[in-house]
C-alpha atoms as a PDB file:
ATOM      1  CA  UNK A   1       0.528   0.057  -0.129  1.00  0.00           C
ATOM      2  CA  UNK A   2       1.464   3.619  -1.202  1.00  0.00           C
ATOM      3  CA  UNK A   3       2.304   5.313   2.302  1.00  0.00           C
ATOM      4  CA  UNK A   4       0.157   8.488   3.262  1.00  0.00           C
ATOM      5  CA  UNK A   5       1.220  11.583   3.206  1.00  0.00           C
ATOM      6  CA  UNK A   6      -1.508  14.022   6.132  1.00  0.00           C
ATOM      7  CA  UNK A   7      -0.375  18.199   5.899  1.00  0.00           C
ATOM      8  CA  UNK A   8      -2.123  19.658   8.837  1.00  0.00           C
ATOM      9  CA  UNK A   9      -2.919  23.083   7.478  1.00  0.00           C
ATOM     10  CA  UNK A  10      -2.340  22.237   4.089  1.00  0.00           C
ATOM     11  CA  UNK A  11      -4.257  24.809   2.771  1.00  0.00           C
ATOM     12  CA  UNK A  12      -1.971  27.292   4.361  1.00  0.00           C
ATOM     13  CA  UNK A  13       1.033  29.100   2.605  1.00  0.00           C
ATOM     14  CA  UNK A  14       3.301  26.497   4.315  1.00  0.00           C
ATOM     15  CA  UNK A  15       1.787  23.479   3.971  1.00  0.00           C
ATOM     16  CA  UNK A  16       0.502  24.153   0.014  1.00  0.00           C
ATOM     17  CA  UNK A  17       3.931  24.531  -1.065  1.00  0.00           C
ATOM     18  CA  UNK A  18       4.830  21.263   1.038  1.00  0.00           C
ATOM     19  CA  UNK A  19       2.159  19.646  -0.009  1.00  0.00           C
ATOM     20  CA  UNK A  20       3.126  20.743  -4.064  1.00  0.00           C
ATOM     21  CA  UNK A  21       7.207  19.269  -3.647  1.00  0.00           C
ATOM     22  CA  UNK A  22       5.377  16.252  -1.944  1.00  0.00           C
ATOM     23  CA  UNK A  23       3.207  15.093  -4.676  1.00  0.00           C
ATOM     24  CA  UNK A  24       5.288  16.306  -7.390  1.00  0.00           C
ATOM     25  CA  UNK A  25       7.626  14.322  -6.438  1.00  0.00           C
ATOM     26  CA  UNK A  26       5.696  10.924  -6.181  1.00  0.00           C
ATOM     27  CA  UNK A  27       3.724  10.672  -2.415  1.00  0.00           C
ATOM     28  CA  UNK A  28       0.625  10.618  -1.494  1.00  0.00           C
ATOM     29  CA  UNK A  29      -0.460  13.559  -0.195  1.00  0.00           C
ATOM     30  CA  UNK A  30      -4.280  14.362   1.999  1.00  0.00           C
ATOM     31  CA  UNK A  31      -4.372  17.789   2.092  1.00  0.00           C
ATOM     32  CA  UNK A  32      -6.226  18.179   5.584  1.00  0.00           C
ATOM     33  CA  UNK A  33      -8.103  21.392   7.146  1.00  0.00           C
ATOM     34  CA  UNK A  34     -10.948  22.759   9.116  1.00  0.00           C
ATOM     35  CA  UNK A  35     -12.959  22.541   6.224  1.00  0.00           C
ATOM     36  CA  UNK A  36     -12.817  20.095   3.690  1.00  0.00           C
ATOM     37  CA  UNK A  37     -14.206  22.380   1.600  1.00  0.00           C
ATOM     38  CA  UNK A  38     -10.901  23.889   1.656  1.00  0.00           C
ATOM     39  CA  UNK A  39      -9.224  21.578   1.768  1.00  0.00           C
ATOM     40  CA  UNK A  40     -10.392  19.915  -1.378  1.00  0.00           C
ATOM     41  CA  UNK A  41     -10.126  22.687  -2.992  1.00  0.00           C
ATOM     42  CA  UNK A  42      -6.576  23.384  -2.469  1.00  0.00           C
ATOM     43  CA  UNK A  43      -5.852  19.625  -3.548  1.00  0.00           C
ATOM     44  CA  UNK A  44      -7.814  20.444  -6.464  1.00  0.00           C
ATOM     45  CA  UNK A  45      -5.284  23.486  -7.738  1.00  0.00           C
ATOM     46  CA  UNK A  46      -2.106  21.180  -6.695  1.00  0.00           C
ATOM     47  CA  UNK A  47      -3.180  18.393  -9.083  1.00  0.00           C
ATOM     48  CA  UNK A  48      -4.154  20.720 -12.069  1.00  0.00           C
ATOM     49  CA  UNK A  49      -0.556  22.147 -11.529  1.00  0.00           C
ATOM     50  CA  UNK A  50       1.412  19.322 -11.529  1.00  0.00           C
ATOM     51  CA  UNK A  51      -0.699  17.430 -13.813  1.00  0.00           C
ATOM     52  CA  UNK A  52      -0.390  13.612 -14.593  1.00  0.00           C
ATOM     53  CA  UNK A  53      -1.173  10.996 -12.297  1.00  0.00           C
ATOM     54  CA  UNK A  54      -0.493  13.747  -8.974  1.00  0.00           C
ATOM     55  CA  UNK A  55      -2.060  11.719  -6.004  1.00  0.00           C
ATOM     56  CA  UNK A  56      -3.781  14.682  -3.827  1.00  0.00           C
ATOM     57  CA  UNK A  57      -6.069  14.750  -1.533  1.00  0.00           C
ATOM     58  CA  UNK A  58      -8.826  17.545   0.825  1.00  0.00           C
ATOM     59  CA  UNK A  59      -9.826  16.154   4.020  1.00  0.00           C
ATOM     60  CA  UNK A  60     -10.726  17.881   7.586  1.00  0.00           C
ATOM     61  CA  UNK A  61      -7.760  17.480   9.919  1.00  0.00           C
ATOM     62  CA  UNK A  62      -8.602  14.184  11.966  1.00  0.00           C
ATOM     63  CA  UNK A  63     -10.044  12.130   8.689  1.00  0.00           C
ATOM     64  CA  UNK A  64      -6.486  12.921   7.023  1.00  0.00           C
ATOM     65  CA  UNK A  65      -4.295  12.022  10.491  1.00  0.00           C
ATOM     66  CA  UNK A  66      -6.183   8.969  10.768  1.00  0.00           C
ATOM     67  CA  UNK A  67      -5.320   7.516   6.816  1.00  0.00           C
ATOM     68  CA  UNK A  68      -2.011   8.954   7.531  1.00  0.00           C
ATOM     69  CA  UNK A  69       1.434   6.934   7.813  1.00  0.00           C
ATOM     70  CA  UNK A  70       3.110   9.778   7.819  1.00  0.00           C
ATOM     71  CA  UNK A  71       1.719  13.697   9.090  1.00  0.00           C
ATOM     72  CA  UNK A  72       2.895  17.170   8.911  1.00  0.00           C
ATOM     73  CA  UNK A  73       2.273  19.866  10.564  1.00  0.00           C
ATOM     74  CA  UNK A  74       2.091  23.031   9.369  1.00  0.00           C
ATOM     75  CA  UNK A  75      -0.827  24.714  11.218  1.00  0.00           C
ATOM     76  CA  UNK A  76       0.326  28.437  12.803  1.00  0.00           C
ATOM     77  CA  UNK A  77       2.040  28.223  16.716  1.00  0.00           C
ATOM     78  CA  UNK A  78      -1.771  28.904  18.360  1.00  0.00           C
ATOM     79  CA  UNK A  79      -3.537  26.429  16.604  1.00  0.00           C
ATOM     80  CA  UNK A  80      -1.496  23.237  18.062  1.00  0.00           C
ATOM     81  CA  UNK A  81      -2.668  22.489  20.851  1.00  0.00           C
ATOM     82  CA  UNK A  82      -6.314  22.475  19.999  1.00  0.00           C
ATOM     83  CA  UNK A  83      -5.479  20.312  16.377  1.00  0.00           C
ATOM     84  CA  UNK A  84      -3.503  17.901  19.193  1.00  0.00           C
ATOM     85  CA  UNK A  85      -6.279  17.642  21.737  1.00  0.00           C
ATOM     86  CA  UNK A  86      -8.299  17.187  18.807  1.00  0.00           C
ATOM     87  CA  UNK A  87      -6.137  15.084  17.094  1.00  0.00           C
ATOM     88  CA  UNK A  88      -5.588  12.115  20.524  1.00  0.00           C
ATOM     89  CA  UNK A  89      -8.052   9.347  20.004  1.00  0.00           C
ATOM     90  CA  UNK A  90      -7.676   9.967  16.224  1.00  0.00           C
ATOM     91  CA  UNK A  91      -4.278   8.453  15.854  1.00  0.00           C
ATOM     92  CA  UNK A  92      -3.219   4.952  14.608  1.00  0.00           C
ATOM     93  CA  UNK A  93      -0.381   3.263  16.494  1.00  0.00           C
ATOM     94  CA  UNK A  94       2.777   3.926  13.694  1.00  0.00           C
ATOM     95  CA  UNK A  95       2.143   7.425  12.801  1.00  0.00           C
ATOM     96  CA  UNK A  96       5.258   9.785  12.626  1.00  0.00           C
ATOM     97  CA  UNK A  97       4.726  13.763  12.756  1.00  0.00           C
ATOM     98  CA  UNK A  98       6.872  15.485  11.795  1.00  0.00           C
ATOM     99  CA  UNK A  99       6.847  18.968  13.138  1.00  0.00           C
ATOM    100  CA  UNK A 100       7.627  21.741  11.891  1.00  0.00           C
ATOM    101  CA  UNK A 101       6.247  25.000  14.017  1.00  0.00           C
ATOM    102  CA  UNK A 102       7.707  27.595  15.147  1.00  0.00           C
ATOM    103  CA  UNK A 103       6.165  29.732  18.244  1.00  0.00           C
ATOM    104  CA  UNK A 104       6.624  32.916  17.228  1.00  0.00           C
ATOM    105  CA  UNK A 105       5.167  36.386  19.138  1.00  0.00           C
ATOM    106  CA  UNK A 106       3.226  37.135  15.157  1.00  0.00           C
ATOM    107  CA  UNK A 107       1.185  34.192  15.888  1.00  0.00           C
ATOM    108  CA  UNK A 108      -0.488  36.164  18.678  1.00  0.00           C
ATOM    109  CA  UNK A 109      -0.265  39.415  16.504  1.00  0.00           C
ATOM    110  CA  UNK A 110       3.377  40.305  18.011  1.00  0.00           C
ATOM    111  CA  UNK A 111       6.979  40.678  15.740  1.00  0.00           C
ATOM    112  CA  UNK A 112       7.821  38.717  13.629  1.00  0.00           C
ATOM    113  CA  UNK A 113      11.437  37.908  14.721  1.00  0.00           C
ATOM    114  CA  UNK A 114      10.551  37.078  17.933  1.00  0.00           C
ATOM    115  CA  UNK A 115      10.020  33.565  19.720  1.00  0.00           C
ATOM    116  CA  UNK A 116       7.504  32.993  22.606  1.00  0.00           C
ATOM    117  CA  UNK A 117       8.797  31.185  25.311  1.00  0.00           C
ATOM    118  CA  UNK A 118       6.992  27.660  25.320  1.00  0.00           C
ATOM    119  CA  UNK A 119       7.429  25.796  28.785  1.00  0.00           C
ATOM    120  CA  UNK A 120       8.266  22.154  27.413  1.00  0.00           C
ATOM    121  CA  UNK A 121      11.343  24.306  25.345  1.00  0.00           C
ATOM    122  CA  UNK A 122      10.193  24.449  22.786  1.00  0.00           C
ATOM    123  CA  UNK A 123       6.859  24.132  19.951  1.00  0.00           C
ATOM    124  CA  UNK A 124       8.082  20.171  19.326  1.00  0.00           C
ATOM    125  CA  UNK A 125       8.826  19.223  23.183  1.00  0.00           C
ATOM    126  CA  UNK A 126       5.596  20.651  23.207  1.00  0.00           C
ATOM    127  CA  UNK A 127       4.324  18.537  20.873  1.00  0.00           C
ATOM    128  CA  UNK A 128       5.422  15.320  21.913  1.00  0.00           C
ATOM    129  CA  UNK A 129       3.885  15.665  25.258  1.00  0.00           C
ATOM    130  CA  UNK A 130       0.434  15.593  23.316  1.00  0.00           C
ATOM    131  CA  UNK A 131       1.008  12.830  21.422  1.00  0.00           C
ATOM    132  CA  UNK A 132       0.475   9.259  22.683  1.00  0.00           C
ATOM    133  CA  UNK A 133       3.089   7.456  22.952  1.00  0.00           C
ATOM    134  CA  UNK A 134       2.683   4.847  20.602  1.00  0.00           C
ATOM    135  CA  UNK A 135       3.420   8.175  17.587  1.00  0.00           C
ATOM    136  CA  UNK A 136       7.032   8.780  17.577  1.00  0.00           C
ATOM    137  CA  UNK A 137       8.142  12.286  16.549  1.00  0.00           C
ATOM    138  CA  UNK A 138      10.483  14.266  14.375  1.00  0.00           C
ATOM    139  CA  UNK A 139      11.295  18.489  14.167  1.00  0.00           C
ATOM    140  CA  UNK A 140      12.621  19.509  10.808  1.00  0.00           C
ATOM    141  CA  UNK A 141      11.575  22.650   7.554  1.00  0.00           C
ATOM    142  CA  UNK A 142      11.660  25.525  10.443  1.00  0.00           C
ATOM    143  CA  UNK A 143      13.916  26.498   8.049  1.00  0.00           C
ATOM    144  CA  UNK A 144      12.389  26.637   4.531  1.00  0.00           C
ATOM    145  CA  UNK A 145       9.715  29.252   3.790  1.00  0.00           C
ATOM    146  CA  UNK A 146       6.833  29.199   1.972  1.00  0.00           C
ATOM    147  CA  UNK A 147       8.202  31.149  -0.903  1.00  0.00           C
ATOM    148  CA  UNK A 148      10.834  28.486  -1.732  1.00  0.00           C
ATOM    149  CA  UNK A 149       8.704  26.242  -1.352  1.00  0.00           C
ATOM    150  CA  UNK A 150       5.953  27.242  -3.601  1.00  0.00           C
ATOM    151  CA  UNK A 151       7.986  27.467  -6.644  1.00  0.00           C
ATOM    152  CA  UNK A 152       9.135  25.501  -9.013  1.00  0.00           C
ATOM    153  CA  UNK A 153      12.730  26.282  -8.589  1.00  0.00           C
ATOM    154  CA  UNK A 154      15.662  24.533  -5.915  1.00  0.00           C
ATOM    155  CA  UNK A 155      15.543  25.378  -2.888  1.00  0.00           C
ATOM    156  CA  UNK A 156      19.563  26.582  -1.006  1.00  0.00           C
ATOM    157  CA  UNK A 157      18.471  24.782   2.104  1.00  0.00           C
ATOM    158  CA  UNK A 158      20.361  22.031   4.663  1.00  0.00           C
ATOM    159  CA  UNK A 159      17.383  20.907   6.830  1.00  0.00           C
ATOM    160  CA  UNK A 160      18.111  20.026  10.375  1.00  0.00           C
ATOM    161  CA  UNK A 161      16.351  17.348  11.584  1.00  0.00           C
ATOM    162  CA  UNK A 162      15.628  16.767  15.151  1.00  0.00           C
ATOM    163  CA  UNK A 163      14.060  13.304  16.392  1.00  0.00           C
ATOM    164  CA  UNK A 164      14.675  10.577  19.063  1.00  0.00           C
ATOM    165  CA  UNK A 165      13.176   8.100  17.763  1.00  0.00           C
ATOM    166  CA  UNK A 166      15.777   6.816  14.563  1.00  0.00           C
ATOM    167  CA  UNK A 167      12.692   5.713  12.766  1.00  0.00           C
ATOM    168  CA  UNK A 168      11.225   8.583  12.088  1.00  0.00           C
ATOM    169  CA  UNK A 169      14.890  10.542  11.700  1.00  0.00           C
ATOM    170  CA  UNK A 170      15.620   8.188   8.768  1.00  0.00           C
ATOM    171  CA  UNK A 171      12.355   9.294   7.516  1.00  0.00           C
ATOM    172  CA  UNK A 172      12.021  12.649   7.915  1.00  0.00           C
ATOM    173  CA  UNK A 173      15.012  12.552   6.087  1.00  0.00           C
ATOM    174  CA  UNK A 174      13.675  10.525   2.578  1.00  0.00           C
ATOM    175  CA  UNK A 175      10.633  13.400   2.372  1.00  0.00           C
ATOM    176  CA  UNK A 176      13.114  16.292   2.837  1.00  0.00           C
ATOM    177  CA  UNK A 177      15.139  14.834   0.866  1.00  0.00           C
ATOM    178  CA  UNK A 178      13.071  14.602  -2.087  1.00  0.00           C
ATOM    179  CA  UNK A 179      12.846  18.348  -2.539  1.00  0.00           C
ATOM    180  CA  UNK A 180      15.152  19.431  -4.939  1.00  0.00           C
ATOM    181  CA  UNK A 181      18.374  21.654  -3.542  1.00  0.00           C
ATOM    182  CA  UNK A 182      17.367  20.366   0.092  1.00  0.00           C
ATOM    183  CA  UNK A 183      19.523  18.843   1.889  1.00  0.00           C
ATOM    184  CA  UNK A 184      19.168  16.577   5.656  1.00  0.00           C
ATOM    185  CA  UNK A 185      21.635  17.187   8.112  1.00  0.00           C
ATOM    186  CA  UNK A 186      21.169  15.061  11.653  1.00  0.00           C
ATOM    187  CA  UNK A 187      20.597  18.399  14.307  1.00  0.00           C
ATOM    188  CA  UNK A 188      20.503  15.075  16.824  1.00  0.00           C
ATOM    189  CA  UNK A 189      17.469  14.495  19.746  1.00  0.00           C
ATOM    190  CA  UNK A 190      14.821  16.534  20.100  1.00  0.00           C
ATOM    191  CA  UNK A 191      15.359  19.106  22.449  1.00  0.00           C
ATOM    192  CA  UNK A 192      18.464  20.937  19.823  1.00  0.00           C
ATOM    193  CA  UNK A 193      14.815  21.604  17.955  1.00  0.00           C
ATOM    194  CA  UNK A 194      14.730  25.119  20.323  1.00  0.00           C
ATOM    195  CA  UNK A 195      18.078  25.481  18.085  1.00  0.00           C
ATOM    196  CA  UNK A 196      17.162  25.127  14.818  1.00  0.00           C
ATOM    197  CA  UNK A 197      13.138  26.657  16.144  1.00  0.00           C
ATOM    198  CA  UNK A 198      15.416  29.924  17.025  1.00  0.00           C
ATOM    199  CA  UNK A 199      17.004  30.408  13.408  1.00  0.00           C
ATOM    200  CA  UNK A 200      13.341  31.362  11.406  1.00  0.00           C
ATOM    201  CA  UNK A 201      12.921  34.268  13.693  1.00  0.00           C
ATOM    202  CA  UNK A 202      16.622  34.968  12.622  1.00  0.00           C
ATOM    203  CA  UNK A 203      16.079  34.092   9.044  1.00  0.00           C
ATOM    204  CA  UNK A 204      12.462  36.518   9.336  1.00  0.00           C
ATOM    205  CA  UNK A 205      14.670  39.314  10.289  1.00  0.00           C
ATOM    206  CA  UNK A 206      17.518  38.682   7.384  1.00  0.00           C
ATOM    207  CA  UNK A 207      14.806  38.452   4.856  1.00  0.00           C
ATOM    208  CA  UNK A 208      13.571  42.132   6.237  1.00  0.00           C
ATOM    209  CA  UNK A 209      17.076  43.239   6.126  1.00  0.00           C
ATOM    210  CA  UNK A 210      17.785  43.080   2.714  1.00  0.00           C
ATOM    211  CA  UNK A 211      14.568  43.057   1.411  1.00  0.00           C
ATOM    212  CA  UNK A 212      14.255  39.183  -0.105  1.00  0.00           C
ATOM    213  CA  UNK A 213      12.549  36.281   0.306  1.00  0.00           C
ATOM    214  CA  UNK A 214      15.096  33.458   0.561  1.00  0.00           C
ATOM    215  CA  UNK A 215      16.839  33.762   2.534  1.00  0.00           C
ATOM    216  CA  UNK A 216      18.536  29.828   4.571  1.00  0.00           C
ATOM    217  CA  UNK A 217      21.088  27.562   5.847  1.00  0.00           C
ATOM    218  CA  UNK A 218      23.846  26.325   4.854  1.00  0.00           C
ATOM    219  CA  UNK A 219      26.490  24.098   7.053  1.00  0.00           C
ATOM    220  CA  UNK A 220      29.288  23.797   6.055  1.00  0.00           C
ATOM    221  CA  UNK A 221      32.725  21.569   5.498  1.00  0.00           C
ATOM    222  CA  UNK A 222      30.765  18.434   6.060  1.00  0.00           C
ATOM    223  CA  UNK A 223      30.276  15.428   3.953  1.00  0.00           C
ATOM    224  CA  UNK A 224      27.527  15.739   1.290  1.00  0.00           C
ATOM    225  CA  UNK A 225      26.547  13.465   1.161  1.00  0.00           C
END
C-alpha cells in the first residue's frame, strides 16, 4: 500500500507549498484543514498545477490524520494545542509526525522576529507531550520558507532534523531529500529543536533587512551525503 502523507494545515502557504513538493515527487498527499471543502479546493488546484497522475486529496484534519502514515504539522503555533487535543484519539499506532511549527510571537499579534517562551522548551517538545506514546515525532523544515516551497526552483537550504526516534529521523531525511536542493542534516535529539526554531526568527529578520524572501541556512565542511 502506498504511503500517505497528511499535511495538517495544508491550505496555508507553507502547508500547500510542502504538499506541492511532496506530490510532485510522487508521494500520495492528503491535505488536511479545519474545513474539508477548503482542503478539497487546495487539492484540486495542486492536481491541476502538477498534472499527470498527481495524488492529492482534501480532507478535514481528523480524517487526514486517521488515514495517513506520516503527518506534517504546518498549522500556526497558536493552533497546535487545540488541534493535537482534537486528534488525540484519532492517531493510528506507528504513525509518524513531523513538526514544522515555530513559536513566533506573530501568531498572537507580536513581532515576526521574536519567539514566544514555551514551557516545554520548544514547539516540538510541546507537541511530544500532546502525542500518544505510540506516535513518533521529528522536528524539521522550520527554516524553509513558504515562498521557497511554493515555487518550482530548487531551494538553497539545509534542513536540520531533530528527533529521539531513529526511524522518524530516517523517514524525515527521505522526505526532505525529495525537495530539490534541500539537504537533510542530523540535528540530534528533539531537545535541539529549541535552537533550530530560534533560527527561523533570525532568518525572517535577515529577509526583512536585505529585502529578500528566500534566506536559508547552509552548513559548510560536512560530507555531501
